[in-house]
Protein backbone atom coordinates (compact mmCIF):
# COMPACT_ATOMS: atom_id res chain seq x y z
CA UNK A 1 0.00 0.00 0.00
CA UNK A 2 2.88 2.32 0.91
CA UNK A 3 4.64 1.42 -2.34
CA UNK A 4 1.51 2.19 -4.34
CA UNK A 5 1.10 5.52 -2.51
CA UNK A 6 4.71 6.38 -3.31
CA UNK A 7 4.15 5.54 -6.99
CA UNK A 8 1.12 7.83 -7.05
CA UNK A 9 3.12 10.64 -5.46
CA UNK A 10 5.96 10.09 -7.92
CA UNK A 11 3.58 10.26 -10.87
CA UNK A 12 1.94 13.36 -9.43
CA UNK A 13 5.33 15.02 -9.08
CA UNK A 14 6.21 14.05 -12.64
CA UNK A 15 2.96 15.50 -13.93
CA UNK A 16 3.52 18.69 -11.93
CA UNK A 17 6.91 19.05 -13.59
CA UNK A 18 5.21 18.49 -16.93
CA UNK A 19 2.58 21.14 -16.32
CA UNK A 20 5.08 23.71 -15.00
CA UNK A 21 7.83 23.19 -17.58
CA UNK A 22 9.61 26.35 -18.58
CA UNK A 23 7.49 28.02 -21.20
CA UNK A 24 9.85 30.94 -21.51
CA UNK A 25 12.46 28.82 -23.28
CA UNK A 26 9.99 28.11 -26.09
CA UNK A 27 8.83 31.72 -26.29
CA UNK A 28 12.35 33.13 -26.47
CA UNK A 29 13.64 30.46 -28.86
CA UNK A 30 10.61 30.22 -31.10
CA UNK A 31 9.20 33.46 -32.48
CA UNK A 32 5.48 34.03 -32.51
CA UNK A 33 5.24 33.56 -36.27
CA UNK A 34 7.25 30.35 -36.20
CA UNK A 35 5.15 29.06 -33.29
CA UNK A 36 1.96 29.63 -35.30
CA UNK A 37 3.56 27.89 -38.26
CA UNK A 38 4.57 24.85 -36.18
CA UNK A 39 1.13 24.52 -34.58
CA UNK A 40 -0.46 24.76 -38.03
CA UNK A 41 1.85 22.08 -39.44
CA UNK A 42 1.05 19.79 -36.50
CA UNK A 43 -2.72 20.18 -36.90
CA UNK A 44 -2.63 19.83 -40.69
CA UNK A 45 -0.67 16.60 -40.30
CA UNK A 46 -2.83 15.20 -37.50
CA UNK A 47 -6.39 16.47 -38.12
CA UNK A 48 -6.84 17.97 -41.58
CA UNK A 49 -5.06 15.06 -43.27
CA UNK A 50 -8.08 12.97 -42.21
CA UNK A 51 -10.50 15.23 -44.12
CA UNK A 52 -11.49 14.14 -47.65
CA UNK A 53 -13.20 17.49 -48.42
CA UNK A 54 -10.11 19.47 -47.49
CA UNK A 55 -8.01 16.91 -49.34
CA UNK A 56 -9.58 18.13 -52.57
CA UNK A 57 -7.96 21.53 -51.98
CA UNK A 58 -4.51 19.95 -51.84
CA UNK A 59 -2.42 19.14 -54.88
CA UNK A 60 -0.69 16.20 -53.22
CA UNK A 61 -2.26 13.05 -51.73
CA UNK A 62 -3.10 13.36 -48.04
CA UNK A 63 -0.42 10.90 -46.91
CA UNK A 64 2.18 12.98 -48.76
CA UNK A 65 0.85 16.08 -47.00
CA UNK A 66 1.27 14.27 -43.67
CA UNK A 67 4.88 13.36 -44.47
CA UNK A 68 5.75 16.86 -45.70
CA UNK A 69 4.17 18.58 -42.68
CA UNK A 70 5.99 16.27 -40.27
CA UNK A 71 9.30 16.82 -42.08
CA UNK A 72 8.87 20.60 -42.01
CA UNK A 73 7.96 20.48 -38.33
CA UNK A 74 11.13 18.52 -37.54
CA UNK A 75 13.31 20.90 -39.55
CA UNK A 76 11.80 24.13 -38.19
CA UNK A 77 11.49 23.17 -34.50
CA UNK A 78 14.56 24.40 -32.60
CA UNK A 79 13.98 22.15 -29.57
CA UNK A 80 16.32 19.23 -29.07
CA UNK A 81 15.22 15.60 -29.24
CA UNK A 82 13.95 13.19 -26.63
CA UNK A 83 15.95 10.02 -26.77
CA UNK A 84 13.34 7.32 -26.05
CA UNK A 85 11.00 7.99 -29.03
CA UNK A 86 13.97 7.84 -31.39
CA UNK A 87 15.01 4.43 -30.05
CA UNK A 88 11.41 3.20 -30.26
CA UNK A 89 11.13 4.39 -33.85
CA UNK A 90 14.37 2.61 -34.76
CA UNK A 91 13.13 -0.58 -33.10
CA UNK A 92 9.90 -0.39 -35.09
CA UNK A 93 11.81 0.13 -38.34
CA UNK A 94 13.94 -2.93 -37.53
CA UNK A 95 10.75 -4.95 -36.93
CA UNK A 96 9.30 -3.94 -40.28
CA UNK A 97 12.61 -4.79 -42.00
CA UNK A 98 12.62 -8.25 -40.40
CA UNK A 99 9.02 -8.79 -41.45
CA UNK A 100 9.78 -7.67 -45.01
CA UNK A 101 12.73 -10.09 -45.24
CA UNK A 102 10.88 -13.06 -43.75
CA UNK A 103 7.74 -12.46 -45.82
CA UNK A 104 9.68 -11.59 -48.97
CA UNK A 105 7.61 -8.44 -49.44
CA UNK A 106 9.25 -4.99 -49.51
CA UNK A 107 5.81 -3.39 -48.98
CA UNK A 108 6.19 -4.06 -45.25
CA UNK A 109 8.88 -1.37 -45.07
CA UNK A 110 6.27 1.39 -45.41
CA UNK A 111 3.90 0.27 -42.67
CA UNK A 112 5.74 1.87 -39.73
CA UNK A 113 6.54 5.08 -41.59
CA UNK A 114 3.67 7.19 -40.25
CA UNK A 115 3.93 6.19 -36.61
CA UNK A 116 7.74 6.61 -36.68
CA UNK A 117 7.27 10.12 -38.06
CA UNK A 118 4.74 10.78 -35.28
CA UNK A 119 7.26 9.63 -32.68
CA UNK A 120 9.93 11.93 -34.10
CA UNK A 121 7.52 14.87 -34.15
CA UNK A 122 6.47 14.33 -30.55
CA UNK A 123 10.14 13.97 -29.58
CA UNK A 124 10.58 17.65 -30.54
CA UNK A 125 7.34 18.89 -28.94
CA UNK A 126 7.64 20.52 -25.52
CA UNK A 127 4.89 21.32 -23.05
CA UNK A 128 4.28 24.87 -24.22
CA UNK A 129 3.91 23.70 -27.80
CA UNK A 130 1.47 20.99 -26.70
CA UNK A 131 -0.57 23.60 -24.82
CA UNK A 132 -0.80 25.74 -27.96
CA UNK A 133 -1.73 22.73 -30.08
CA UNK A 134 -4.47 21.84 -27.57
CA UNK A 135 -5.82 25.41 -27.60
CA UNK A 136 -6.10 25.54 -31.40
CA UNK A 137 -7.50 22.00 -31.56
CA UNK A 138 -10.17 23.01 -29.02
CA UNK A 139 -11.19 25.99 -31.15
CA UNK A 140 -11.36 23.80 -34.24
CA UNK A 141 -13.50 21.21 -32.46
CA UNK A 142 -15.84 23.81 -30.92
CA UNK A 143 -16.29 25.45 -34.32
CA UNK A 144 -17.05 22.05 -35.84
CA UNK A 145 -19.56 21.20 -33.12
CA UNK A 146 -21.30 24.57 -33.41
CA UNK A 147 -21.62 24.30 -37.20
CA UNK A 148 -22.72 20.67 -36.92
CA UNK A 149 -25.46 21.44 -34.39
CA UNK A 150 -26.63 24.39 -36.48
CA UNK A 151 -26.68 22.29 -39.65
CA UNK A 152 -28.49 19.48 -37.86
CA UNK A 153 -31.25 21.83 -36.69
CA UNK A 154 -31.56 23.62 -40.04
CA UNK A 155 -31.77 20.37 -41.97
CA UNK A 156 -34.35 19.00 -39.54
CA UNK A 157 -36.56 22.07 -39.95
CA UNK A 158 -35.80 22.79 -43.64
CA UNK A 159 -34.47 19.59 -45.24
CA UNK A 160 -32.30 20.10 -48.30
CA UNK A 161 -30.44 18.04 -50.85
CA UNK A 162 -26.65 18.10 -50.45
CA UNK A 163 -25.09 21.12 -52.13
CA UNK A 164 -21.91 19.18 -52.81
CA UNK A 165 -21.19 15.45 -52.91
CA UNK A 166 -17.87 13.63 -52.99
CA UNK A 167 -16.92 9.97 -52.77
CA UNK A 168 -15.15 8.76 -49.66
CA UNK A 169 -12.20 6.36 -49.95
CA UNK A 170 -14.56 3.51 -48.99
CA UNK A 171 -16.89 4.37 -51.90
CA UNK A 172 -19.69 5.91 -49.84
CA UNK A 173 -21.05 9.32 -50.75
CA UNK A 174 -20.27 12.23 -48.44
CA UNK A 175 -22.63 15.18 -48.90
CA UNK A 176 -22.52 18.77 -47.67
CA UNK A 177 -25.68 19.75 -45.74
CA UNK A 178 -25.54 23.43 -44.85
CA UNK A 179 -22.21 23.64 -42.96
CA UNK A 180 -21.33 19.99 -42.36
CA UNK A 181 -20.54 16.90 -44.39
CA UNK A 182 -22.12 13.54 -43.66
CA UNK A 183 -22.39 10.10 -45.19
CA UNK A 184 -25.37 9.13 -43.03
CA UNK A 185 -28.77 10.66 -43.76
CA UNK A 186 -32.15 9.82 -42.19
CA UNK A 187 -35.52 11.04 -43.54
CA UNK A 188 -35.55 14.09 -41.30
CA UNK A 189 -32.05 14.28 -39.84
CA UNK A 190 -28.35 13.80 -40.45
CA UNK A 191 -25.37 12.58 -38.45
CA UNK A 192 -22.89 15.47 -38.80
CA UNK A 193 -19.28 14.70 -39.65
CA UNK A 194 -18.06 18.32 -40.05
CA UNK A 195 -15.16 18.11 -42.55
CA UNK A 196 -14.46 14.39 -42.07
CA UNK A 197 -15.43 11.27 -43.98
CA UNK A 198 -17.88 10.00 -41.37
CA UNK A 199 -19.35 10.98 -37.99
CA UNK A 200 -17.18 8.43 -36.20
CA UNK A 201 -14.00 10.19 -37.32
CA UNK A 202 -15.29 13.54 -36.07
CA UNK A 203 -16.27 11.92 -32.78
CA UNK A 204 -12.75 10.47 -32.45
CA UNK A 205 -11.20 13.93 -32.91
CA UNK A 206 -13.63 15.43 -30.36
CA UNK A 207 -12.73 12.74 -27.82
CA UNK A 208 -8.99 13.19 -28.43
CA UNK A 209 -9.33 16.95 -27.86
CA UNK A 210 -11.14 16.26 -24.56
CA UNK A 211 -8.57 13.65 -23.49
CA UNK A 212 -5.69 16.03 -24.17
CA UNK A 213 -7.49 18.72 -22.15
CA UNK A 214 -7.78 16.27 -19.25
CA UNK A 215 -4.09 15.36 -19.48
CA UNK A 216 -3.11 19.05 -19.46
CA UNK A 217 -5.45 19.70 -16.49
CA UNK A 218 -7.62 22.23 -18.29
CA UNK A 219 -11.06 23.32 -17.06
CA UNK A 220 -13.09 20.18 -16.35
CA UNK A 221 -16.45 21.79 -17.04
CA UNK A 222 -15.42 22.90 -20.54
CA UNK A 223 -14.02 19.44 -21.23
CA UNK A 224 -17.32 17.87 -20.19
CA UNK A 225 -19.35 20.27 -22.34
CA UNK A 226 -17.18 19.45 -25.38
CA UNK A 227 -17.84 15.76 -24.84
CA UNK A 228 -21.53 16.44 -24.31
CA UNK A 229 -21.87 18.46 -27.52
CA UNK A 230 -20.04 15.65 -29.31
CA UNK A 231 -23.21 13.57 -28.95
CA UNK A 232 -24.38 15.36 -32.11
CA UNK A 233 -22.36 12.73 -33.99
CA UNK A 234 -24.61 9.98 -32.51
CA UNK A 235 -21.53 7.82 -32.03
CA UNK A 236 -21.54 5.00 -29.48
CA UNK A 237 -17.92 5.63 -28.40
CA UNK A 238 -18.85 9.27 -27.77
CA UNK A 239 -21.54 8.16 -25.33
CA UNK A 240 -19.20 5.76 -23.54
CA UNK A 241 -16.42 8.34 -23.19
CA UNK A 242 -18.88 10.97 -21.91
CA UNK A 243 -20.37 8.58 -19.33
CA UNK A 244 -16.87 7.56 -18.24
CA UNK A 245 -15.91 11.21 -17.79
CA UNK A 246 -19.03 11.95 -15.73
CA UNK A 247 -18.51 8.92 -13.50
CA UNK A 248 -14.86 9.74 -12.80
CA UNK A 249 -15.65 13.39 -12.05
CA UNK A 250 -18.68 12.96 -9.81
CA UNK A 251 -16.77 14.57 -6.95
CA UNK A 252 -16.59 17.84 -8.89
CA UNK A 253 -19.84 19.43 -7.69
CA UNK A 254 -19.82 22.29 -10.19
CA UNK A 255 -19.11 19.97 -13.08
CA UNK A 256 -21.70 17.45 -11.93
CA UNK A 257 -24.64 19.83 -11.62
CA UNK A 258 -23.85 21.97 -14.63
CA UNK A 259 -23.35 18.97 -16.89
CA UNK A 260 -26.57 17.40 -15.64
CA UNK A 261 -28.39 20.65 -16.43
CA UNK A 262 -26.92 20.87 -19.93
CA UNK A 263 -27.67 17.19 -20.55
CA UNK A 264 -31.28 17.70 -19.43
CA UNK A 265 -31.60 20.65 -21.80
CA UNK A 266 -30.17 18.55 -24.61
CA UNK A 267 -32.70 15.78 -23.99
CA UNK A 268 -35.56 18.30 -23.81
CA UNK A 269 -34.67 19.61 -27.27
CA UNK A 270 -34.97 16.14 -28.76
CA UNK A 271 -38.27 15.35 -27.09
CA UNK A 272 -39.88 18.72 -27.79
CA UNK A 273 -39.00 18.94 -31.49
CA UNK A 274 -40.87 16.27 -33.51
CA UNK A 275 -38.48 16.74 -36.42
CA UNK A 276 -35.84 14.85 -34.44
CA UNK A 277 -37.95 11.71 -34.00
CA UNK A 278 -36.12 9.72 -36.69
CA UNK A 279 -32.64 10.39 -35.37
CA UNK A 280 -33.74 9.83 -31.77
CA UNK A 281 -35.24 6.45 -32.72
CA UNK A 282 -32.04 5.58 -34.58
CA UNK A 283 -29.87 6.60 -31.64
CA UNK A 284 -31.88 4.58 -29.13
CA UNK A 285 -31.99 1.58 -31.49
CA UNK A 286 -28.18 1.41 -31.43
CA UNK A 287 -28.49 0.21 -27.82
CA UNK A 288 -31.01 -2.54 -28.65
CA UNK A 289 -29.91 -6.17 -28.61
CA UNK A 290 -29.95 -8.21 -31.81
CA UNK A 291 -31.09 -11.89 -31.94
CA UNK A 292 -27.51 -13.04 -31.21
CA UNK A 293 -27.39 -11.04 -27.97
CA UNK A 294 -25.12 -8.26 -29.23
CA UNK A 295 -25.73 -4.53 -29.52
CA UNK A 296 -27.39 -3.49 -32.76
CA UNK A 297 -24.88 -0.66 -33.15
CA UNK A 298 -21.89 -2.98 -32.67
CA UNK A 299 -20.19 -4.00 -35.92
CA UNK A 300 -16.83 -4.94 -34.33
CA UNK A 301 -17.90 -8.29 -32.85
CA UNK A 302 -18.60 -9.73 -36.30
CA UNK A 303 -15.20 -8.55 -37.52
CA UNK A 304 -13.43 -10.21 -34.59
CA UNK A 305 -15.34 -13.45 -35.14
CA UNK A 306 -14.33 -13.47 -38.79
CA UNK A 307 -10.70 -12.73 -37.86
CA UNK A 308 -10.50 -15.88 -35.74
CA UNK A 309 -12.06 -17.89 -38.56
CA UNK A 310 -9.24 -16.97 -40.97
CA UNK A 311 -6.44 -16.85 -38.38
CA UNK A 312 -3.37 -19.00 -39.12
CA UNK A 313 0.37 -18.72 -38.54
CA UNK A 314 0.97 -16.54 -41.59
CA UNK A 315 -1.86 -14.13 -40.72
CA UNK A 316 -0.70 -13.97 -37.10
CA UNK A 317 2.89 -12.99 -37.88
CA UNK A 318 2.66 -11.33 -41.31
CA UNK A 319 -1.00 -10.34 -41.68
CA UNK A 320 -2.70 -9.85 -45.03
CA UNK A 321 -1.36 -6.51 -46.29
CA UNK A 322 -2.55 -7.24 -49.81
CA UNK A 323 -6.15 -7.14 -48.56
CA UNK A 324 -5.69 -3.66 -47.12
CA UNK A 325 -3.92 -2.25 -50.17
CA UNK A 326 -6.99 -2.55 -52.41
CA UNK A 327 -6.07 -5.74 -54.26
CA UNK A 328 -8.89 -7.78 -55.83
CA UNK A 329 -7.74 -11.12 -54.42
CA UNK A 330 -9.46 -10.28 -51.15
CA UNK A 331 -12.65 -8.82 -52.60
CA UNK A 332 -14.71 -11.76 -51.31
CA UNK A 333 -13.59 -11.29 -47.71
CA UNK A 334 -15.60 -9.65 -44.95
CA UNK A 335 -14.63 -6.28 -43.48
CA UNK A 336 -11.74 -6.41 -41.00
CA UNK A 337 -10.87 -2.72 -40.99
CA UNK A 338 -11.78 -1.50 -37.49
CA UNK A 339 -11.50 -4.00 -34.65
CA UNK A 340 -8.86 -4.74 -32.00
CA UNK A 341 -7.17 -7.28 -34.28
CA UNK A 342 -6.98 -5.05 -37.35
CA UNK A 343 -3.24 -4.33 -36.84
CA UNK A 344 -2.53 -8.08 -36.86
CA UNK A 345 -4.72 -8.83 -39.88
CA UNK A 346 -3.21 -5.82 -41.67
CA UNK A 347 0.51 -6.10 -40.92
CA UNK A 348 1.10 -9.10 -38.67
CA UNK A 349 2.31 -9.21 -35.08
CA UNK A 350 5.97 -8.65 -36.01
CA UNK A 351 5.03 -5.15 -37.17
CA UNK A 352 1.95 -4.49 -34.99
CA UNK A 353 3.43 -5.30 -31.56
CA UNK A 354 3.80 -1.59 -30.54
CA UNK A 355 0.03 -1.17 -30.69
CA UNK A 356 -0.61 -3.93 -28.17
CA UNK A 357 2.29 -2.83 -25.97
CA UNK A 358 0.75 0.64 -25.93
CA UNK A 359 -2.64 -0.74 -24.87
CA UNK A 360 -1.00 -2.73 -22.06
CA UNK A 361 0.89 0.32 -20.81
CA UNK A 362 -2.30 2.40 -20.89
CA UNK A 363 -4.04 -0.23 -18.76
CA UNK A 364 -1.27 0.02 -16.17
CA UNK A 365 -1.32 3.83 -16.35
CA UNK A 366 -5.05 3.77 -15.55
CA UNK A 367 -4.25 2.65 -12.00
CA UNK A 368 -3.29 6.24 -11.22
CA UNK A 369 -6.17 8.63 -10.67
CA UNK A 370 -4.47 11.44 -12.59
CA UNK A 371 -4.60 9.52 -15.85
CA UNK A 372 -7.53 7.19 -15.24
CA UNK A 373 -9.97 8.91 -17.58
CA UNK A 374 -7.41 9.57 -20.31
CA UNK A 375 -5.97 6.04 -20.22
CA UNK A 376 -9.30 4.18 -20.12
CA UNK A 377 -10.83 6.43 -22.78
CA UNK A 378 -7.83 5.93 -25.06
CA UNK A 379 -7.95 2.16 -24.64
CA UNK A 380 -11.64 2.13 -25.55
CA UNK A 381 -11.19 4.42 -28.55
CA UNK A 382 -8.20 2.46 -29.84
CA UNK A 383 -10.07 -0.82 -29.59
CA UNK A 384 -12.69 0.81 -31.82
CA UNK A 385 -10.24 2.56 -34.15
CA UNK A 386 -6.84 0.82 -33.93
CA UNK A 387 -5.22 3.13 -36.46
CA UNK A 388 -1.82 3.71 -34.85
CA UNK A 389 -0.12 2.96 -38.17
CA UNK A 390 -2.30 5.34 -40.22
CA UNK A 391 -1.34 8.89 -41.12
CA UNK A 392 -3.16 11.53 -39.10
CA UNK A 393 -4.38 9.08 -36.47
CA UNK A 394 -0.80 8.15 -35.50
CA UNK A 395 0.06 11.72 -34.52
CA UNK A 396 -3.19 12.22 -32.57
CA UNK A 397 -2.60 8.99 -30.64
CA UNK A 398 1.08 9.55 -29.88
CA UNK A 399 0.28 13.14 -28.84
CA UNK A 400 -1.95 11.80 -26.05
CA UNK A 401 0.00 8.74 -24.88
CA UNK A 402 3.42 10.46 -24.69
CA UNK A 403 2.72 12.67 -21.64
CA UNK A 404 0.89 9.79 -19.90
CA UNK A 405 3.79 7.37 -20.38
CA UNK A 406 6.34 10.03 -19.49
CA UNK A 407 4.75 10.76 -16.10
CA UNK A 408 3.73 7.16 -15.36
CA UNK A 409 6.76 5.17 -16.53
CA UNK A 410 9.42 7.80 -17.38
CA UNK A 411 9.17 6.10 -20.77
CA UNK A 412 9.75 9.23 -22.83
CA UNK A 413 12.30 10.91 -20.59
CA UNK A 414 15.16 12.51 -22.47
CA UNK A 415 18.82 12.31 -21.57
CA UNK A 416 20.58 15.66 -21.10
CA UNK A 417 22.60 15.51 -24.33
CA UNK A 418 19.37 15.41 -26.31
CA UNK A 419 17.80 18.38 -24.50
CA UNK A 420 19.46 21.75 -24.89
CA UNK A 421 16.53 23.95 -23.81
CA UNK A 422 14.14 21.52 -22.17
CA UNK A 423 11.94 18.89 -23.70
CA UNK A 424 8.36 18.04 -23.03
CA UNK A 425 9.25 16.99 -19.49
CA UNK A 426 11.97 18.03 -17.11
Foldseek 3Di string as FASTA:
>chain_A
DVVVVVLLVLLVVQLVLLLPPDPVLCPVVAPPVRLVLLLVLLCLQFPVLQFPVVQVVDPDRSVVSNVVSLVVNLVSQPWFFFDLLQVVLVLLQVLLVVLCVVVVHPVSNQLQVQLSSLSRNQRRAASNSLVVSLVVLLVVLVVQLVQLVVLFVCCLVPNDDFPDWDADPVGAIWGHRRQFIARADDPRGTQGCRRHPHLVSSLVSLLLSLLSCLSSVHDLLSSLVSLVSSCSNLDPLSVVLSVLSCVLVVVVPVSNVVSVVVNVVVVCVCVVDPSNVGVVVVSVQQQDADPVGHGPVDPQVVLVVLCVVPDDPCLQAAACQCCVVPDPVCVPPDDNQFAQCNVSNNGHCSNCVVLVVLLVVLVVLLVHSSNVSSSVSLNVVCRGHVPCSDTSNVNSSCSNSVSSCCSNPVSRGHDPVRGDSDHRGD
